């Protein structure tokens, strides 16, 4: 199971900001009681959730039924590249309504105007190479790059084409939309690029960034991305993972329950129309095209995300008997060593799949989380 998940979903998690791996000690993985945490199995993930209830969110449900688990699902949280589900939903809606054509040609130069080297874990160059992109790509290929490779440049290009209002309308289909969906690259550039003038690229700087009114942060990030597409001045260096992890807490959050609502609509054909749902499923179900997950799950749509200290996973599965399950998991403020271990083990993906294919497991998880309520 673990090796199959790693093969099927590794690219989904190779997203977000490329963290410089520093030397970390065992103490970096300790929980509140001081015991060192492991993160190699689904049970390790469950122990992490119960030990850190205020830093984790979990929603799992079968569409048409109340959720078996709704732990902090309505509390906005950083979800890294899992936010790209919203961009996909807006794109699929535009395609279904005839406003965008997946076959439209887009120049590589226009796409790469939003590419910030050294900040995406190699996602963009890998997408360009493996998709066989020449001087142009189709709009559909950009969406493939966004979902399968988690290309931030493709995401920001689509945001530019669709407009933020379209993204917010798409998010509202899943539940409460966020206050804004700013540029991913713009948020990075504000903190670590030349447009920030070095004001925020330290722990003290990140504290100053966090203290700014959210509206001002969004406006400055927007200007950073707009200026970047003209002048193309990327960050020359990235700060250490402690600064990057602190920065993730300033990124625009979204309620995990909203992503869960969107995934449920997509999985069941209710994203504004059956056509729009089919467009979105075609991109989200790329892991299924590599073969069935196991003998119990015949289809799966997935989008994950990672930023230093943050992991998120949004998944729907369809069982052999047609049962659909949607799960969205997010974790924040993970110690560096634990976060790196999670990226190696994919244990959080094992946990999400266990919720889908193990009878009684959602109820067991709910019981465990109910016993450890997050502090108010």
Protein backbone atom coordinates (compact mmCIF):
# COMPACT_ATOMS: atom_id res chain seq x y z
CA UNK A 1 0.00 0.00 0.00
CA UNK A 2 2.68 2.52 0.96
CA UNK A 3 4.77 1.99 -2.17
CA UNK A 4 1.70 2.22 -4.38
CA UNK A 5 0.60 5.43 -2.73
CA UNK A 6 4.07 6.90 -3.10
CA UNK A 7 4.05 6.08 -6.80
CA UNK A 8 0.50 7.32 -7.37
CA UNK A 9 0.48 10.48 -5.30
CA UNK A 10 4.07 11.61 -4.78
CA UNK A 11 3.80 14.35 -7.40
CA UNK A 12 0.62 15.64 -5.77
CA UNK A 13 2.64 16.39 -2.64
CA UNK A 14 5.76 17.81 -4.30
CA UNK A 15 4.19 21.27 -4.14
CA UNK A 16 4.70 24.69 -2.71
CA UNK A 17 7.83 26.34 -1.48
CA UNK A 18 11.10 24.44 -1.82
CA UNK A 19 12.46 24.18 1.69
CA UNK A 20 16.18 24.10 2.37
CA UNK A 21 16.64 20.97 4.43
CA UNK A 22 18.55 21.90 7.53
CA UNK A 23 19.98 19.71 10.26
CA UNK A 24 17.16 18.98 12.69
CA UNK A 25 17.27 17.13 15.95
CA UNK A 26 14.96 14.60 17.53
CA UNK A 27 13.61 17.31 19.80
CA UNK A 28 12.12 18.98 16.73
CA UNK A 29 9.56 16.16 16.45
CA UNK A 30 8.38 16.13 20.02
CA UNK A 31 4.78 16.66 20.96
CA UNK A 32 3.43 18.56 23.96
CA UNK A 33 4.30 15.74 26.35
CA UNK A 34 7.90 15.63 25.13
CA UNK A 35 7.64 12.19 23.51
CA UNK A 36 9.22 11.89 20.06
CA UNK A 37 6.63 11.46 17.32
CA UNK A 38 6.78 8.98 14.47
CA UNK A 39 5.07 9.61 11.16
CA UNK A 40 5.33 6.38 9.19
CA UNK A 41 1.86 4.83 9.40
CA UNK A 42 -1.80 5.81 9.40
CA UNK A 43 -1.89 5.18 13.14
CA UNK A 44 0.98 7.63 13.62
CA UNK A 45 -1.10 10.23 11.79
CA UNK A 46 -4.08 9.59 14.04
CA UNK A 47 -1.87 9.99 17.11
CA UNK A 48 -0.58 13.29 15.68
CA UNK A 49 -4.12 14.55 15.13
CA UNK A 50 -5.17 13.72 18.67
CA UNK A 51 -1.97 15.20 20.14
CA UNK A 52 -2.31 18.46 18.16
CA UNK A 53 -6.06 19.03 17.79
CA UNK A 54 -5.73 22.80 17.45
CA UNK A 55 -3.30 22.52 14.53
CA UNK A 56 -5.20 19.93 12.50
CA UNK A 57 -8.45 19.76 10.55
CA UNK A 58 -10.27 16.72 9.23
CA UNK A 59 -13.53 16.35 7.35
CA UNK A 60 -14.72 13.01 5.99
CA UNK A 61 -18.17 12.21 4.70
CA UNK A 62 -20.26 10.35 2.15
CA UNK A 63 -22.17 12.83 -0.04
CA UNK A 64 -25.79 13.08 1.02
CA UNK A 65 -25.02 12.11 4.60
CA UNK A 66 -23.77 14.02 7.65
CA UNK A 67 -19.97 13.91 8.03
CA UNK A 68 -18.60 11.13 10.21
CA UNK A 69 -15.78 13.48 11.20
CA UNK A 70 -15.94 17.28 11.13
CA UNK A 71 -12.95 18.33 13.22
CA UNK A 72 -12.29 22.06 12.80
CA UNK A 73 -13.53 21.85 9.23
CA UNK A 74 -15.00 25.34 9.34
CA UNK A 75 -11.88 26.99 10.77
CA UNK A 76 -9.82 28.61 7.98
CA UNK A 77 -6.38 27.02 7.69
CA UNK A 78 -3.40 27.17 5.31
CA UNK A 79 -3.78 24.35 2.77
CA UNK A 80 -0.85 25.09 0.41
CA UNK A 81 -1.53 23.78 -3.10
CA UNK A 82 -4.79 22.06 -2.18
CA UNK A 83 -6.31 25.51 -2.86
CA UNK A 84 -5.83 24.70 -6.56
CA UNK A 85 -9.06 22.70 -6.40
CA UNK A 86 -10.80 26.08 -6.43
CA UNK A 87 -8.93 27.19 -9.56
CA UNK A 88 -9.82 23.88 -11.21
CA UNK A 89 -13.50 24.31 -10.32
CA UNK A 90 -13.55 27.82 -11.78
CA UNK A 91 -11.81 26.61 -14.95
CA UNK A 92 -14.18 23.66 -15.35
CA UNK A 93 -17.16 25.99 -14.95
CA UNK A 94 -15.78 28.36 -17.62
CA UNK A 95 -15.18 25.46 -20.01
CA UNK A 96 -18.66 24.04 -19.46
CA UNK A 97 -20.19 27.46 -20.18
CA UNK A 98 -18.14 27.98 -23.32
CA UNK A 99 -16.02 30.80 -21.93
CA UNK A 100 -12.71 28.92 -22.16
CA UNK A 101 -11.50 26.31 -24.64
CA UNK A 102 -9.09 23.64 -23.36
CA UNK A 103 -7.55 23.51 -26.85
CA UNK A 104 -6.62 27.20 -26.84
CA UNK A 105 -2.90 27.69 -27.39
CA UNK A 106 -0.94 29.60 -24.76
CA UNK A 107 2.64 30.67 -25.36
CA UNK A 108 5.24 29.24 -23.04
CA UNK A 109 6.45 32.80 -22.55
CA UNK A 110 3.05 33.90 -21.23
CA UNK A 111 2.95 30.90 -18.89
CA UNK A 112 6.49 31.41 -17.65
CA UNK A 113 5.87 35.07 -16.89
CA UNK A 114 4.48 33.66 -13.61
CA UNK A 115 7.28 31.15 -12.99
CA UNK A 116 9.48 31.88 -9.97
CA UNK A 117 12.56 29.62 -10.15
CA UNK A 118 13.56 27.77 -7.01
CA UNK A 119 10.23 28.03 -5.23
CA UNK A 120 8.17 25.11 -6.54
CA UNK A 121 10.34 22.06 -5.92
CA UNK A 122 11.00 21.72 -9.67
CA UNK A 123 7.31 21.32 -10.53
CA UNK A 124 7.29 23.68 -13.51
CA UNK A 125 10.39 22.40 -15.33
CA UNK A 126 9.19 18.83 -14.76
CA UNK A 127 5.76 19.63 -16.19
CA UNK A 128 7.20 21.33 -19.26
CA UNK A 129 9.54 18.41 -19.93
CA UNK A 130 7.16 15.54 -19.26
CA UNK A 131 4.21 17.10 -21.08
CA UNK A 132 6.43 17.73 -24.11
CA UNK A 133 5.75 21.47 -24.17
CA UNK A 134 7.36 23.43 -27.00
CA UNK A 135 6.81 27.10 -27.72
CA UNK A 136 3.12 26.79 -26.88
CA UNK A 137 0.85 24.66 -24.72
CA UNK A 138 -2.88 24.14 -24.65
CA UNK A 139 -4.90 25.62 -21.84
CA UNK A 140 -5.79 22.05 -20.86
CA UNK A 141 -2.09 21.24 -20.52
CA UNK A 142 -1.65 24.17 -18.14
CA UNK A 143 -4.43 22.73 -15.98
CA UNK A 144 -2.74 19.32 -16.10
CA UNK A 145 0.48 21.03 -14.96
CA UNK A 146 -1.41 22.71 -12.12
CA UNK A 147 -3.10 19.56 -10.81
CA UNK A 148 -0.73 16.70 -11.64
CA UNK A 149 2.55 18.58 -11.16
CA UNK A 150 1.30 21.36 -8.87
CA UNK A 151 2.84 24.03 -11.08
CA UNK A 152 2.38 27.39 -9.32
CA UNK A 153 3.06 29.32 -12.53
CA UNK A 154 0.17 27.58 -14.29
CA UNK A 155 -2.03 28.33 -11.28
CA UNK A 156 -1.26 32.04 -11.29
CA UNK A 157 -1.70 32.23 -15.07
CA UNK A 158 -5.15 30.67 -14.72
CA UNK A 159 -5.99 33.02 -11.88
CA UNK A 160 -5.08 35.90 -14.20
CA UNK A 161 -7.29 34.52 -16.99
CA UNK A 162 -10.25 33.61 -14.79
CA UNK A 163 -10.18 36.54 -12.38
CA UNK A 164 -10.37 36.34 -8.61
CA UNK A 165 -14.13 36.85 -8.57
CA UNK A 166 -14.60 33.66 -10.58
CA UNK A 167 -12.42 31.82 -8.08
CA UNK A 168 -14.46 33.11 -5.15
CA UNK A 169 -17.71 32.10 -6.87
CA UNK A 170 -16.28 28.63 -7.41
CA UNK A 171 -15.21 28.35 -3.78
CA UNK A 172 -18.71 29.36 -2.67
CA UNK A 173 -20.09 26.23 -4.36
CA UNK A 174 -18.33 24.22 -1.65
CA UNK A 175 -19.38 26.32 1.31
CA UNK A 176 -18.07 29.47 2.92
CA UNK A 177 -15.58 31.08 0.53
CA UNK A 178 -12.37 32.67 1.80
CA UNK A 179 -12.08 36.44 1.97
CA UNK A 180 -9.66 36.36 -0.97
CA UNK A 181 -7.66 34.00 -3.17
CA UNK A 182 -4.44 35.92 -3.82
CA UNK A 183 -1.64 34.95 -6.14
CA UNK A 184 0.48 32.09 -4.80
CA UNK A 185 3.60 33.56 -6.32
CA UNK A 186 2.76 37.05 -5.15
CA UNK A 187 2.62 35.91 -1.53
CA UNK A 188 6.06 34.32 -1.90
CA UNK A 189 7.52 37.35 -3.64
CA UNK A 190 6.25 39.72 -0.97
CA UNK A 191 8.03 37.77 1.74
CA UNK A 192 11.19 36.63 -0.04
CA UNK A 193 11.55 38.52 -3.33
CA UNK A 194 13.11 41.85 -4.24
CA UNK A 195 9.73 43.59 -4.15
CA UNK A 196 9.71 43.12 -0.37
CA UNK A 197 13.08 44.91 -0.15
CA UNK A 198 14.23 42.40 2.46
CA UNK A 199 11.66 43.74 4.92
CA UNK A 200 10.13 40.36 5.70
CA UNK A 201 12.78 37.67 5.06
CA UNK A 202 13.58 36.98 8.73
CA UNK A 203 11.58 35.81 11.74
CA UNK A 204 11.16 39.40 12.91
CA UNK A 205 10.19 40.35 9.39
CA UNK A 206 7.56 37.62 9.19
CA UNK A 207 6.11 38.90 12.45
CA UNK A 208 5.84 42.34 10.86
CA UNK A 209 4.22 40.80 7.79
CA UNK A 210 1.70 38.94 9.95
CA UNK A 211 0.87 42.18 11.78
CA UNK A 212 -0.14 43.94 8.57
CA UNK A 213 -3.88 44.14 7.87
CA UNK A 214 -4.87 41.21 5.64
CA UNK A 215 -6.17 43.61 3.00
CA UNK A 216 -2.75 45.31 2.80
CA UNK A 217 -0.91 41.98 2.53
CA UNK A 218 -3.17 40.95 -0.34
CA UNK A 219 -2.74 44.24 -2.18
CA UNK A 220 1.04 44.17 -1.81
CA UNK A 221 1.22 40.54 -2.96
CA UNK A 222 -0.85 41.47 -6.00
CA UNK A 223 1.54 44.29 -6.87
CA UNK A 224 4.52 41.98 -6.40
CA UNK A 225 3.16 39.44 -8.87
CA UNK A 226 2.15 42.11 -11.38
CA UNK A 227 5.60 43.70 -11.23
CA UNK A 228 7.27 40.31 -11.48
CA UNK A 229 5.55 39.46 -14.76
CA UNK A 230 7.17 42.58 -16.22
CA UNK A 231 10.62 42.68 -14.60
CA UNK A 232 11.17 38.98 -13.72
CA UNK A 233 13.30 39.43 -10.61
CA UNK A 234 13.08 36.20 -8.57
CA UNK A 235 14.41 35.71 -5.04
CA UNK A 236 18.17 35.19 -5.11
CA UNK A 237 18.11 33.08 -1.92
CA UNK A 238 15.48 31.60 0.35
CA UNK A 239 15.70 31.87 4.14
CA UNK A 240 15.86 28.84 6.42
CA UNK A 241 12.94 26.56 7.01
CA UNK A 242 12.10 28.24 10.33
CA UNK A 243 11.40 31.51 8.50
CA UNK A 244 9.54 29.75 5.68
CA UNK A 245 7.39 27.85 8.19
CA UNK A 246 6.54 31.08 9.98
CA UNK A 247 5.60 32.62 6.62
CA UNK A 248 3.08 29.85 5.85
CA UNK A 249 0.99 31.19 8.74
CA UNK A 250 0.57 34.44 6.76
CA UNK A 251 -0.68 32.74 3.59
CA UNK A 252 -4.37 33.10 2.79
CA UNK A 253 -6.37 30.36 4.56
CA UNK A 254 -9.55 28.56 3.52
CA UNK A 255 -11.95 26.37 5.48
CA UNK A 256 -11.17 22.69 4.77
CA UNK A 257 -14.93 22.05 4.78
CA UNK A 258 -15.21 24.31 1.73
CA UNK A 259 -12.71 22.16 -0.18
CA UNK A 260 -14.58 19.07 1.00
CA UNK A 261 -17.84 20.51 -0.33
CA UNK A 262 -16.25 21.23 -3.71
CA UNK A 263 -14.77 17.72 -3.94
CA UNK A 264 -18.15 16.21 -3.12
CA UNK A 265 -19.84 18.21 -5.87
CA UNK A 266 -17.19 17.23 -8.40
CA UNK A 267 -17.33 13.55 -7.47
CA UNK A 268 -21.12 13.37 -7.76
CA UNK A 269 -21.58 15.51 -10.90
CA UNK A 270 -23.00 18.58 -9.15
CA UNK A 271 -20.36 21.23 -9.93
CA UNK A 272 -22.77 23.68 -11.67
CA UNK A 273 -23.37 20.98 -14.31
CA UNK A 274 -22.49 17.41 -15.22
CA UNK A 275 -20.16 18.75 -17.94
CA UNK A 276 -18.23 20.96 -15.54
CA UNK A 277 -17.91 18.05 -13.11
CA UNK A 278 -16.59 15.80 -15.87
CA UNK A 279 -13.96 18.38 -16.83
CA UNK A 280 -12.78 18.63 -13.23
CA UNK A 281 -12.81 14.84 -12.67
CA UNK A 282 -10.72 14.30 -15.79
CA UNK A 283 -7.91 16.26 -14.14
CA UNK A 284 -8.34 15.17 -10.51
CA UNK A 285 -8.53 11.45 -11.32
CA UNK A 286 -5.09 11.25 -12.87
CA UNK A 287 -3.92 8.75 -10.20
CA UNK A 288 -6.64 6.35 -11.34
CA UNK A 289 -5.20 6.34 -14.85
CA UNK A 290 -2.08 4.70 -13.40
CA UNK A 291 -4.15 1.73 -12.24
CA UNK A 292 -6.62 0.95 -9.45
CA UNK A 293 -5.53 1.87 -5.94
CA UNK A 294 -6.61 -1.49 -4.56
CA UNK A 295 -9.40 -4.04 -5.05
CA UNK A 296 -11.84 -1.90 -3.05
CA UNK A 297 -11.32 1.56 -4.58
CA UNK A 298 -11.87 1.85 -8.32
CA UNK A 299 -11.61 5.63 -8.78
CA UNK A 300 -9.88 8.40 -6.91
CA UNK A 301 -9.53 12.15 -7.37
CA UNK A 302 -6.83 13.92 -5.37
CA UNK A 303 -5.02 17.21 -4.84
CA UNK A 304 -2.53 17.71 -2.07
CA UNK A 305 -0.31 20.50 -0.93
CA UNK A 306 2.78 21.15 1.13
CA UNK A 307 4.55 24.19 2.46
CA UNK A 308 7.11 24.11 5.27
CA UNK A 309 5.25 22.92 8.35
CA UNK A 310 1.99 22.43 6.41
CA UNK A 311 0.51 19.37 4.73
CA UNK A 312 -2.93 19.10 3.18
CA UNK A 313 -4.74 16.40 1.25
CA UNK A 314 -8.14 16.53 -0.45
CA UNK A 315 -9.39 13.23 -1.85
CA UNK A 316 -12.55 11.57 -3.05
CA UNK A 317 -12.75 7.86 -3.64
CA UNK A 318 -15.30 5.67 -5.39
CA UNK A 319 -15.57 2.10 -4.16
CA UNK A 320 -16.37 -0.91 -6.28
CA UNK A 321 -19.99 -0.76 -5.06
CA UNK A 322 -20.28 2.91 -6.07
CA UNK A 323 -19.87 4.37 -2.58
CA UNK A 324 -18.28 7.83 -2.68
CA UNK A 325 -16.24 9.22 0.19
CA UNK A 326 -14.68 12.66 0.47
CA UNK A 327 -11.87 13.48 2.88
CA UNK A 328 -9.93 16.68 3.46
CA UNK A 329 -7.05 16.67 5.94
CA UNK A 330 -4.86 19.63 6.85
CA UNK A 331 -2.01 19.92 9.34
CA UNK A 332 -0.04 23.02 10.27
CA UNK A 333 2.86 24.02 12.55
CA UNK A 334 4.54 20.64 12.07
CA UNK A 335 8.13 20.53 13.42
CA UNK A 336 10.66 20.40 10.57
CA UNK A 337 11.85 16.83 11.14
CA UNK A 338 8.28 15.55 11.35
CA UNK A 339 7.31 17.44 8.20
CA UNK A 340 10.26 16.01 6.26
CA UNK A 341 9.40 12.52 7.51
CA UNK A 342 5.81 12.96 6.32
CA UNK A 343 7.05 13.92 2.86
CA UNK A 344 9.10 10.72 2.80
CA UNK A 345 6.52 8.32 4.23
CA UNK A 346 3.22 9.55 2.71
CA UNK A 347 1.63 8.33 5.93
CA UNK A 348 -1.06 10.99 5.76
CA UNK A 349 -2.13 9.54 2.43
CA UNK A 350 -2.29 6.09 3.96
CA UNK A 351 -4.51 7.59 6.65
CA UNK A 352 -6.86 9.18 4.10
CA UNK A 353 -7.18 5.93 2.15
CA UNK A 354 -7.79 3.96 5.34
CA UNK A 355 -10.77 6.21 6.02
CA UNK A 356 -12.16 5.10 2.64
CA UNK A 357 -11.45 1.39 2.58
CA UNK A 358 -11.53 0.25 6.21
CA UNK A 359 -15.03 -0.28 7.68
CA UNK A 360 -15.49 1.45 11.01
CA UNK A 361 -12.33 3.54 10.78
CA UNK A 362 -14.07 6.92 10.38
CA UNK A 363 -16.03 6.23 13.57
CA UNK A 364 -12.86 5.26 15.39
CA UNK A 365 -11.16 8.47 14.29
CA UNK A 366 -14.17 10.53 15.37
CA UNK A 367 -14.10 8.92 18.80
CA UNK A 368 -10.37 9.60 19.18
CA UNK A 369 -10.75 13.25 18.21
CA UNK A 370 -13.82 13.75 20.39
CA UNK A 371 -11.80 12.68 23.40
CA UNK A 372 -9.18 15.36 22.62
CA UNK A 373 -11.19 18.46 21.81
CA UNK A 374 -9.17 21.43 20.58
CA UNK A 375 -8.85 24.25 23.12
CA UNK A 376 -11.35 27.03 22.58
